[in-house]
Amino acid sequence: MFNSINPGIVFIDDKYINMDSVYNMSTRGLSIQLDYYSGEKELIQFGSNQELHKAFSKLAAASNALEFGTNYVPR
């Protein structure tokens, strides 16, 4: 069932990211920095601007789905 899927779960390079636990994200060069509510930070690096943009769009869409209750299907 679709409603049992958490729209805030994202996989990037086989890494599980729960956007529900992220309070801020920003880009730095070819990387995305995720700041978690726990105080931890994570830096995910990419090899090209295209990969970075694709990942950032995926994370932003999942974040918006959680905030606004929209249905998000990662592509």
Protein backbone atom coordinates (compact mmCIF):
# COMPACT_ATOMS: atom_id res chain seq x y z
CA MET A 1 0.00 0.00 0.00
CA PHE A 2 1.29 3.40 -0.92
CA ASN A 3 0.16 5.08 2.31
CA SER A 4 2.37 2.73 4.33
CA ILE A 5 5.51 4.09 2.61
CA ASN A 6 7.27 6.94 4.37
CA PRO A 7 7.81 9.67 1.74
CA GLY A 8 10.73 11.01 3.76
CA ILE A 9 12.94 7.97 3.15
CA VAL A 10 15.51 8.55 0.42
CA PHE A 11 18.28 6.33 -0.91
CA ILE A 12 21.35 7.98 -2.45
CA ASP A 13 24.19 5.68 -3.54
CA ASP A 14 22.59 2.89 -1.47
CA LYS A 15 22.65 5.13 1.62
CA TYR A 16 19.44 5.31 3.65
CA ILE A 17 18.47 8.87 4.62
CA ASN A 18 15.41 9.65 6.73
CA MET A 19 14.56 13.28 5.94
CA ASP A 20 12.40 13.36 9.08
CA SER A 21 15.63 13.53 11.10
CA VAL A 22 17.28 16.29 8.98
CA TYR A 23 16.69 19.90 9.98
CA ASN A 24 18.94 21.60 7.42
CA MET A 25 20.72 20.79 4.18
CA SER A 26 23.07 22.89 2.09
CA THR A 27 25.38 22.47 -0.87
CA ARG A 28 29.11 23.05 -0.60
CA GLY A 29 30.98 22.64 -3.87
CA LEU A 30 30.12 19.16 -5.16
CA SER A 31 28.72 17.98 -1.84
CA ILE A 32 25.57 18.20 0.24
CA GLN A 33 25.82 18.79 3.98
CA LEU A 34 23.02 17.34 6.07
CA ASP A 35 22.53 18.64 9.61
CA TYR A 36 20.54 16.27 11.82
CA TYR A 37 18.40 17.15 14.83
CA SER A 38 20.75 14.98 16.89
CA GLY A 39 23.57 17.45 16.24
CA GLU A 40 25.40 15.16 13.83
CA LYS A 41 26.46 16.39 10.41
CA GLU A 42 27.02 14.41 7.26
CA LEU A 43 28.73 15.35 4.01
CA ILE A 44 27.76 13.46 0.86
CA GLN A 45 30.15 14.04 -2.04
CA PHE A 46 29.41 13.73 -5.76
CA GLY A 47 31.49 13.54 -8.91
CA SER A 48 29.53 16.01 -11.05
CA ASN A 49 27.09 18.90 -10.85
CA GLN A 50 24.46 16.71 -12.49
CA GLU A 51 24.71 14.07 -9.74
CA LEU A 52 24.63 16.79 -7.08
CA HIS A 53 21.57 18.46 -8.56
CA LYS A 54 19.73 15.13 -8.93
CA ALA A 55 20.42 14.17 -5.29
CA PHE A 56 19.54 17.62 -3.94
CA SER A 57 16.25 17.56 -5.87
CA LYS A 58 15.46 14.11 -4.45
CA LEU A 59 16.16 15.26 -0.88
CA ALA A 60 14.20 18.51 -1.32
CA ALA A 61 11.19 16.65 -2.77
CA ALA A 62 11.18 14.21 0.17
CA SER A 63 11.44 17.10 2.62
CA ASN A 64 8.53 18.90 0.95
CA ALA A 65 6.46 15.73 1.00
CA LEU A 66 6.91 15.54 4.77
CA GLU A 67 6.20 19.24 5.33
CA PHE A 68 3.24 19.63 2.98
CA GLY A 69 1.82 16.11 2.90
CA THR A 70 2.33 15.62 -0.81
CA ASN A 71 2.88 12.24 -2.38
CA TYR A 72 6.45 11.88 -3.56
CA VAL A 73 7.76 9.06 -5.67
CA PRO A 74 11.54 9.17 -6.20
CA ARG A 75 12.72 8.95 -9.81
